[in-house]
Amino acid sequence: PYTLGLVESVPKPRGEAASEPPGPGGKAKKRVR
């Protein structure tokens, strides 16, 4: 379970659906889970 926790704690993109609103350059910023 500790190893599983370490692996799941590695930052992963949430995907396109979870992108934040576009920034100043007009590009959407992906949130990281």
PDB file of all heavy atoms in Angstrom:
ATOM      1  N   PRO A   1       0.802  -1.235   0.000  1.00  0.00           N
ATOM      2  CA  PRO A   1       0.000   0.000   0.000  1.00  0.00           C
ATOM      3  C   PRO A   1       0.830   1.279   0.000  1.00  0.00           C
ATOM      4  O   PRO A   1       0.422   2.284  -0.594  1.00  0.00           O
ATOM      5  CB  PRO A   1      -0.820  -0.119   1.284  1.00  0.00           C
ATOM      6  CG  PRO A   1      -0.910  -1.588   1.543  1.00  0.00           C
ATOM      7  CD  PRO A   1       0.403  -2.160   1.074  1.00  0.00           C
ATOM      8  N   TYR A   2       2.002   1.259   0.631  1.00  0.00           N
ATOM      9  CA  TYR A   2       2.849   2.456   0.626  1.00  0.00           C
ATOM     10  C   TYR A   2       3.385   2.721  -0.783  1.00  0.00           C
ATOM     11  O   TYR A   2       3.370   3.861  -1.257  1.00  0.00           O
ATOM     12  CB  TYR A   2       4.007   2.285   1.598  1.00  0.00           C
ATOM     13  CG  TYR A   2       4.980   3.447   1.596  1.00  0.00           C
ATOM     14  CD1 TYR A   2       4.565   4.721   1.941  1.00  0.00           C
ATOM     15  CD2 TYR A   2       6.314   3.261   1.236  1.00  0.00           C
ATOM     16  CE1 TYR A   2       5.447   5.786   1.933  1.00  0.00           C
ATOM     17  CE2 TYR A   2       7.205   4.315   1.233  1.00  0.00           C
ATOM     18  CZ  TYR A   2       6.760   5.580   1.581  1.00  0.00           C
ATOM     19  OH  TYR A   2       7.644   6.627   1.567  1.00  0.00           O
ATOM     20  N   THR A   3       3.835   1.676  -1.459  1.00  0.00           N
ATOM     21  CA  THR A   3       4.304   1.840  -2.839  1.00  0.00           C
ATOM     22  C   THR A   3       3.191   2.348  -3.730  1.00  0.00           C
ATOM     23  O   THR A   3       3.400   3.238  -4.561  1.00  0.00           O
ATOM     24  CB  THR A   3       4.831   0.504  -3.386  1.00  0.00           C
ATOM     25  OG1 THR A   3       5.769  -0.061  -2.484  1.00  0.00           O
ATOM     26  CG2 THR A   3       5.495   0.700  -4.741  1.00  0.00           C
ATOM     27  N   LEU A   4       1.992   1.799  -3.552  1.00  0.00           N
ATOM     28  CA  LEU A   4       0.848   2.252  -4.329  1.00  0.00           C
ATOM     29  C   LEU A   4       0.593   3.736  -4.077  1.00  0.00           C
ATOM     30  O   LEU A   4       0.328   4.502  -5.012  1.00  0.00           O
ATOM     31  CB  LEU A   4      -0.392   1.435  -3.956  1.00  0.00           C
ATOM     32  CG  LEU A   4      -1.690   1.789  -4.698  1.00  0.00           C
ATOM     33  CD1 LEU A   4      -1.539   1.565  -6.200  1.00  0.00           C
ATOM     34  CD2 LEU A   4      -2.855   0.966  -4.157  1.00  0.00           C
ATOM     35  N   GLY A   5       0.717   4.165  -2.821  1.00  0.00           N
ATOM     36  CA  GLY A   5       0.548   5.577  -2.508  1.00  0.00           C
ATOM     37  C   GLY A   5       1.597   6.449  -3.173  1.00  0.00           C
ATOM     38  O   GLY A   5       1.297   7.541  -3.665  1.00  0.00           O
ATOM     39  N   LEU A   6       2.851   5.978  -3.206  1.00  0.00           N
ATOM     40  CA  LEU A   6       3.915   6.731  -3.865  1.00  0.00           C
ATOM     41  C   LEU A   6       3.644   6.867  -5.362  1.00  0.00           C
ATOM     42  O   LEU A   6       3.803   7.943  -5.943  1.00  0.00           O
ATOM     43  CB  LEU A   6       5.264   6.049  -3.645  1.00  0.00           C
ATOM     44  CG  LEU A   6       5.875   6.090  -2.251  1.00  0.00           C
ATOM     45  CD1 LEU A   6       7.190   5.320  -2.238  1.00  0.00           C
ATOM     46  CD2 LEU A   6       6.110   7.526  -1.787  1.00  0.00           C
ATOM     47  N   VAL A   7       3.243   5.764  -5.989  1.00  0.00           N
ATOM     48  CA  VAL A   7       2.973   5.792  -7.425  1.00  0.00           C
ATOM     49  C   VAL A   7       1.813   6.724  -7.732  1.00  0.00           C
ATOM     50  O   VAL A   7       1.854   7.511  -8.695  1.00  0.00           O
ATOM     51  CB  VAL A   7       2.679   4.358  -7.939  1.00  0.00           C
ATOM     52  CG1 VAL A   7       2.190   4.394  -9.386  1.00  0.00           C
ATOM     53  CG2 VAL A   7       3.930   3.488  -7.837  1.00  0.00           C
ATOM     54  N   GLU A   8       0.773   6.693  -6.897  1.00  0.00           N
ATOM     55  CA  GLU A   8      -0.398   7.535  -7.152  1.00  0.00           C
ATOM     56  C   GLU A   8      -0.138   8.996  -6.801  1.00  0.00           C
ATOM     57  O   GLU A   8      -0.905   9.867  -7.197  1.00  0.00           O
ATOM     58  CB  GLU A   8      -1.594   7.008  -6.364  1.00  0.00           C
ATOM     59  CG  GLU A   8      -2.114   5.684  -6.901  1.00  0.00           C
ATOM     60  CD  GLU A   8      -3.380   5.227  -6.200  1.00  0.00           C
ATOM     61  OE1 GLU A   8      -3.645   5.719  -5.077  1.00  0.00           O
ATOM     62  OE2 GLU A   8      -4.091   4.382  -6.769  1.00  0.00           O
ATOM     63  N   SER A   9       0.934   9.269  -6.047  1.00  0.00           N
ATOM     64  CA  SER A   9       1.249  10.661  -5.701  1.00  0.00           C
ATOM     65  C   SER A   9       2.052  11.367  -6.790  1.00  0.00           C
ATOM     66  O   SER A   9       2.285  12.576  -6.711  1.00  0.00           O
ATOM     67  CB  SER A   9       2.031  10.723  -4.387  1.00  0.00           C
ATOM     68  OG  SER A   9       3.335  10.179  -4.537  1.00  0.00           O
ATOM     69  N   VAL A  10       2.468  10.629  -7.824  1.00  0.00           N
ATOM     70  CA  VAL A  10       3.171  11.255  -8.945  1.00  0.00           C
ATOM     71  C   VAL A  10       2.177  12.126  -9.703  1.00  0.00           C
ATOM     72  O   VAL A  10       1.078  11.663 -10.045  1.00  0.00           O
ATOM     73  CB  VAL A  10       3.767  10.186  -9.881  1.00  0.00           C
ATOM     74  CG1 VAL A  10       4.392  10.833 -11.111  1.00  0.00           C
ATOM     75  CG2 VAL A  10       4.810   9.354  -9.147  1.00  0.00           C
ATOM     76  N   PRO A  11       2.500  13.398  -9.970  1.00  0.00           N
ATOM     77  CA  PRO A  11       1.549  14.281 -10.658  1.00  0.00           C
ATOM     78  C   PRO A  11       1.116  13.729 -12.009  1.00  0.00           C
ATOM     79  O   PRO A  11       1.941  13.267 -12.795  1.00  0.00           O
ATOM     80  CB  PRO A  11       2.334  15.589 -10.827  1.00  0.00           C
ATOM     81  CG  PRO A  11       3.378  15.539  -9.773  1.00  0.00           C
ATOM     82  CD  PRO A  11       3.744  14.099  -9.618  1.00  0.00           C
ATOM     83  N   LYS A  12      -0.215  13.766 -12.277  1.00  0.00           N
ATOM     84  CA  LYS A  12      -0.759  13.287 -13.542  1.00  0.00           C
ATOM     85  C   LYS A  12      -1.743  14.325 -14.071  1.00  0.00           C
ATOM     86  O   LYS A  12      -2.565  14.856 -13.307  1.00  0.00           O
ATOM     87  CB  LYS A  12      -1.490  11.961 -13.345  1.00  0.00           C
ATOM     88  CG  LYS A  12      -0.637  10.837 -12.786  1.00  0.00           C
ATOM     89  CD  LYS A  12      -1.479   9.602 -12.556  1.00  0.00           C
ATOM     90  CE  LYS A  12      -0.643   8.468 -11.965  1.00  0.00           C
ATOM     91  NZ  LYS A  12      -0.168   8.774 -10.603  1.00  0.00           N
ATOM     92  N   PRO A  13      -1.685  14.616 -15.380  1.00  0.00           N
ATOM     93  CA  PRO A  13      -2.686  15.538 -15.936  1.00  0.00           C
ATOM     94  C   PRO A  13      -4.088  14.966 -15.783  1.00  0.00           C
ATOM     95  O   PRO A  13      -4.301  13.767 -15.941  1.00  0.00           O
ATOM     96  CB  PRO A  13      -2.278  15.635 -17.414  1.00  0.00           C
ATOM     97  CG  PRO A  13      -0.855  15.192 -17.465  1.00  0.00           C
ATOM     98  CD  PRO A  13      -0.702  14.178 -16.371  1.00  0.00           C
ATOM     99  N   ARG A  14      -5.054  15.823 -15.494  1.00  0.00           N
ATOM    100  CA  ARG A  14      -6.429  15.363 -15.341  1.00  0.00           C
ATOM    101  C   ARG A  14      -7.104  15.078 -16.687  1.00  0.00           C
ATOM    102  O   ARG A  14      -8.139  14.439 -16.744  1.00  0.00           O
ATOM    103  CB  ARG A  14      -7.250  16.423 -14.596  1.00  0.00           C
ATOM    104  CG  ARG A  14      -6.952  16.521 -13.118  1.00  0.00           C
ATOM    105  CD  ARG A  14      -7.830  17.584 -12.495  1.00  0.00           C
ATOM    106  NE  ARG A  14      -7.562  17.732 -11.074  1.00  0.00           N
ATOM    107  CZ  ARG A  14      -8.179  17.068 -10.112  1.00  0.00           C
ATOM    108  NH1 ARG A  14      -9.086  16.171 -10.430  1.00  0.00           N
ATOM    109  NH2 ARG A  14      -7.892  17.278  -8.841  1.00  0.00           N
ATOM    110  N   GLY A  15      -6.529  15.591 -17.753  1.00  0.00           N
ATOM    111  CA  GLY A  15      -7.148  15.380 -19.060  1.00  0.00           C
ATOM    112  C   GLY A  15      -7.732  16.672 -19.606  1.00  0.00           C
ATOM    113  O   GLY A  15      -7.844  17.684 -18.927  1.00  0.00           O
ATOM    114  N   GLU A  16      -8.142  16.614 -20.846  1.00  0.00           N
ATOM    115  CA  GLU A  16      -8.631  17.825 -21.508  1.00  0.00           C
ATOM    116  C   GLU A  16      -9.863  18.390 -20.817  1.00  0.00           C
ATOM    117  O   GLU A  16     -10.041  19.595 -20.710  1.00  0.00           O
ATOM    118  CB  GLU A  16      -8.973  17.494 -22.975  1.00  0.00           C
ATOM    119  CG  GLU A  16      -7.775  17.079 -23.806  1.00  0.00           C
ATOM    120  CD  GLU A  16      -6.775  18.207 -23.954  1.00  0.00           C
ATOM    121  OE1 GLU A  16      -7.163  19.383 -23.842  1.00  0.00           O
ATOM    122  OE2 GLU A  16      -5.591  17.919 -24.182  1.00  0.00           O
ATOM    123  N   ALA A  17     -10.724  17.506 -20.307  1.00  0.00           N
ATOM    124  CA  ALA A  17     -11.961  17.985 -19.703  1.00  0.00           C
ATOM    125  C   ALA A  17     -11.715  18.779 -18.433  1.00  0.00           C
ATOM    126  O   ALA A  17     -12.545  19.561 -17.995  1.00  0.00           O
ATOM    127  CB  ALA A  17     -12.882  16.807 -19.396  1.00  0.00           C
ATOM    128  N   ALA A  18     -10.542  18.575 -17.834  1.00  0.00           N
ATOM    129  CA  ALA A  18     -10.253  19.252 -16.576  1.00  0.00           C
ATOM    130  C   ALA A  18      -9.362  20.471 -16.770  1.00  0.00           C
ATOM    131  O   ALA A  18      -8.847  21.011 -15.819  1.00  0.00           O
ATOM    132  CB  ALA A  18      -9.582  18.274 -15.602  1.00  0.00           C
ATOM    133  N   SER A  19      -9.208  20.889 -18.009  1.00  0.00           N
ATOM    134  CA  SER A  19      -8.351  22.043 -18.259  1.00  0.00           C
ATOM    135  C   SER A  19      -8.958  23.302 -17.659  1.00  0.00           C
ATOM    136  O   SER A  19     -10.182  23.474 -17.628  1.00  0.00           O
ATOM    137  CB  SER A  19      -8.149  22.243 -19.769  1.00  0.00           C
ATOM    138  OG  SER A  19      -7.433  21.158 -20.309  1.00  0.00           O
ATOM    139  N   GLU A  20      -8.081  24.183 -17.189  1.00  0.00           N
ATOM    140  CA  GLU A  20      -8.523  25.462 -16.648  1.00  0.00           C
ATOM    141  C   GLU A  20      -8.880  26.405 -17.800  1.00  0.00           C
ATOM    142  O   GLU A  20      -8.543  26.147 -18.964  1.00  0.00           O
ATOM    143  CB  GLU A  20      -7.406  26.061 -15.789  1.00  0.00           C
ATOM    144  CG  GLU A  20      -7.092  25.244 -14.549  1.00  0.00           C
ATOM    145  CD  GLU A  20      -6.007  25.891 -13.716  1.00  0.00           C
ATOM    146  OE1 GLU A  20      -5.487  26.924 -14.158  1.00  0.00           O
ATOM    147  OE2 GLU A  20      -5.696  25.365 -12.639  1.00  0.00           O
ATOM    148  N   PRO A  21      -9.542  27.511 -17.514  1.00  0.00           N
ATOM    149  CA  PRO A  21      -9.855  28.497 -18.566  1.00  0.00           C
ATOM    150  C   PRO A  21      -8.580  28.979 -19.253  1.00  0.00           C
ATOM    151  O   PRO A  21      -7.497  28.965 -18.658  1.00  0.00           O
ATOM    152  CB  PRO A  21     -10.536  29.637 -17.789  1.00  0.00           C
ATOM    153  CG  PRO A  21     -11.068  28.978 -16.560  1.00  0.00           C
ATOM    154  CD  PRO A  21     -10.094  27.882 -16.222  1.00  0.00           C
ATOM    155  N   PRO A  22      -8.687  29.397 -20.506  1.00  0.00           N
ATOM    156  CA  PRO A  22      -7.499  29.860 -21.243  1.00  0.00           C
ATOM    157  C   PRO A  22      -6.783  30.982 -20.516  1.00  0.00           C
ATOM    158  O   PRO A  22      -7.405  31.834 -19.884  1.00  0.00           O
ATOM    159  CB  PRO A  22      -8.092  30.351 -22.577  1.00  0.00           C
ATOM    160  CG  PRO A  22      -9.374  29.603 -22.710  1.00  0.00           C
ATOM    161  CD  PRO A  22      -9.900  29.442 -21.313  1.00  0.00           C
ATOM    162  N   GLY A  23      -5.447  30.966 -20.606  1.00  0.00           N
ATOM    163  CA  GLY A  23      -4.633  32.003 -20.013  1.00  0.00           C
ATOM    164  C   GLY A  23      -4.455  33.160 -20.966  1.00  0.00           C
ATOM    165  O   GLY A  23      -5.125  33.250 -22.002  1.00  0.00           O
ATOM    166  N   PRO A  24      -3.494  34.043 -20.668  1.00  0.00           N
ATOM    167  CA  PRO A  24      -3.293  35.240 -21.505  1.00  0.00           C
ATOM    168  C   PRO A  24      -2.963  34.910 -22.947  1.00  0.00           C
ATOM    169  O   PRO A  24      -3.319  35.659 -23.852  1.00  0.00           O
ATOM    170  CB  PRO A  24      -2.119  35.952 -20.811  1.00  0.00           C
ATOM    171  CG  PRO A  24      -2.174  35.465 -19.391  1.00  0.00           C
ATOM    172  CD  PRO A  24      -2.666  34.051 -19.464  1.00  0.00           C
ATOM    173  N   GLY A  25      -2.296  33.789 -23.195  1.00  0.00           N
ATOM    174  CA  GLY A  25      -1.937  33.440 -24.561  1.00  0.00           C
ATOM    175  C   GLY A  25      -3.031  32.726 -25.308  1.00  0.00           C
ATOM    176  O   GLY A  25      -2.848  32.319 -26.454  1.00  0.00           O
ATOM    177  N   GLY A  26      -4.188  32.515 -24.658  1.00  0.00           N
ATOM    178  CA  GLY A  26      -5.295  31.857 -25.325  1.00  0.00           C
ATOM    179  C   GLY A  26      -5.268  30.346 -25.224  1.00  0.00           C
ATOM    180  O   GLY A  26      -6.143  29.674 -25.759  1.00  0.00           O
ATOM    181  N   LYS A  27      -4.258  29.776 -24.540  1.00  0.00           N
ATOM    182  CA  LYS A  27      -4.145  28.331 -24.437  1.00  0.00           C
ATOM    183  C   LYS A  27      -4.686  27.859 -23.093  1.00  0.00           C
ATOM    184  O   LYS A  27      -4.440  28.476 -22.058  1.00  0.00           O
ATOM    185  CB  LYS A  27      -2.681  27.890 -24.585  1.00  0.00           C
ATOM    186  CG  LYS A  27      -2.105  28.129 -25.968  1.00  0.00           C
ATOM    187  CD  LYS A  27      -0.691  27.572 -26.066  1.00  0.00           C
ATOM    188  CE  LYS A  27      -0.124  27.757 -27.463  1.00  0.00           C
ATOM    189  NZ  LYS A  27       1.259  27.207 -27.573  1.00  0.00           N
ATOM    190  N   ALA A  28      -5.425  26.764 -23.136  1.00  0.00           N
ATOM    191  CA  ALA A  28      -5.956  26.194 -21.895  1.00  0.00           C
ATOM    192  C   ALA A  28      -4.823  25.587 -21.085  1.00  0.00           C
ATOM    193  O   ALA A  28      -3.897  24.992 -21.638  1.00  0.00           O
ATOM    194  CB  ALA A  28      -7.003  25.129 -22.210  1.00  0.00           C
ATOM    195  N   LYS A  29      -4.909  25.752 -19.772  1.00  0.00           N
ATOM    196  CA  LYS A  29      -3.896  25.188 -18.888  1.00  0.00           C
ATOM    197  C   LYS A  29      -4.457  23.956 -18.204  1.00  0.00           C
ATOM    198  O   LYS A  29      -5.534  24.011 -17.613  1.00  0.00           O
ATOM    199  CB  LYS A  29      -3.474  26.221 -17.831  1.00  0.00           C
ATOM    200  CG  LYS A  29      -2.844  27.458 -18.408  1.00  0.00           C
ATOM    201  CD  LYS A  29      -2.420  28.401 -17.296  1.00  0.00           C
ATOM    202  CE  LYS A  29      -3.630  28.970 -16.581  1.00  0.00           C
ATOM    203  NZ  LYS A  29      -3.226  29.918 -15.504  1.00  0.00           N
ATOM    204  N   LYS A  30      -3.735  22.846 -18.294  1.00  0.00           N
ATOM    205  CA  LYS A  30      -4.201  21.615 -17.665  1.00  0.00           C
ATOM    206  C   LYS A  30      -3.914  21.639 -16.170  1.00  0.00           C
ATOM    207  O   LYS A  30      -2.817  21.983 -15.752  1.00  0.00           O
ATOM    208  CB  LYS A  30      -3.508  20.392 -18.290  1.00  0.00           C
ATOM    209  CG  LYS A  30      -3.960  20.082 -19.694  1.00  0.00           C
ATOM    210  CD  LYS A  30      -3.325  18.775 -20.178  1.00  0.00           C
ATOM    211  CE  LYS A  30      -3.789  18.439 -21.589  1.00  0.00           C
ATOM    212  NZ  LYS A  30      -3.168  17.188 -22.065  1.00  0.00           N
ATOM    213  N   ARG A  31      -4.915  21.294 -15.382  1.00  0.00           N
ATOM    214  CA  ARG A  31      -4.694  21.111 -13.964  1.00  0.00           C
ATOM    215  C   ARG A  31      -4.006  19.773 -13.748  1.00  0.00           C
ATOM    216  O   ARG A  31      -4.129  18.852 -14.550  1.00  0.00           O
ATOM    217  CB  ARG A  31      -6.018  21.146 -13.193  1.00  0.00           C
ATOM    218  CG  ARG A  31      -6.697  22.507 -13.252  1.00  0.00           C
ATOM    219  CD  ARG A  31      -7.705  22.642 -12.127  1.00  0.00           C
ATOM    220  NE  ARG A  31      -8.689  21.588 -12.116  1.00  0.00           N
ATOM    221  CZ  ARG A  31      -9.847  21.645 -12.753  1.00  0.00           C
ATOM    222  NH1 ARG A  31     -10.143  22.709 -13.490  1.00  0.00           N
ATOM    223  NH2 ARG A  31     -10.713  20.660 -12.671  1.00  0.00           N
ATOM    224  N   VAL A  32      -3.300  19.662 -12.672  1.00  0.00           N
ATOM    225  CA  VAL A  32      -2.583  18.433 -12.342  1.00  0.00           C
ATOM    226  C   VAL A  32      -3.208  17.819 -11.099  1.00  0.00           C
ATOM    227  O   VAL A  32      -3.461  18.509 -10.111  1.00  0.00           O
ATOM    228  CB  VAL A  32      -1.076  18.729 -12.098  1.00  0.00           C
ATOM    229  CG1 VAL A  32      -0.377  17.473 -11.599  1.00  0.00           C
ATOM    230  CG2 VAL A  32      -0.429  19.221 -13.385  1.00  0.00           C
ATOM    231  N   ARG A  33      -3.490  16.522 -11.184  1.00  0.00           N
ATOM    232  CA  ARG A  33      -4.087  15.808 -10.067  1.00  0.00           C
ATOM    233  C   ARG A  33      -2.989  15.324  -9.132  1.00  0.00           C
ATOM    234  O   ARG A  33      -2.053  14.652  -9.536  1.00  0.00           O
ATOM    235  CB  ARG A  33      -4.888  14.609 -10.593  1.00  0.00           C
ATOM    236  CG  ARG A  33      -5.461  13.714  -9.520  1.00  0.00           C
ATOM    237  CD  ARG A  33      -6.498  12.771 -10.117  1.00  0.00           C
ATOM    238  NE  ARG A  33      -5.969  12.031 -11.249  1.00  0.00           N
ATOM    239  CZ  ARG A  33      -5.340  10.864 -11.140  1.00  0.00           C
ATOM    240  NH1 ARG A  33      -5.142  10.333  -9.960  1.00  0.00           N
ATOM    241  NH2 ARG A  33      -4.906  10.242 -12.216  1.00  0.00           N
TER     242      ARG A  33
END
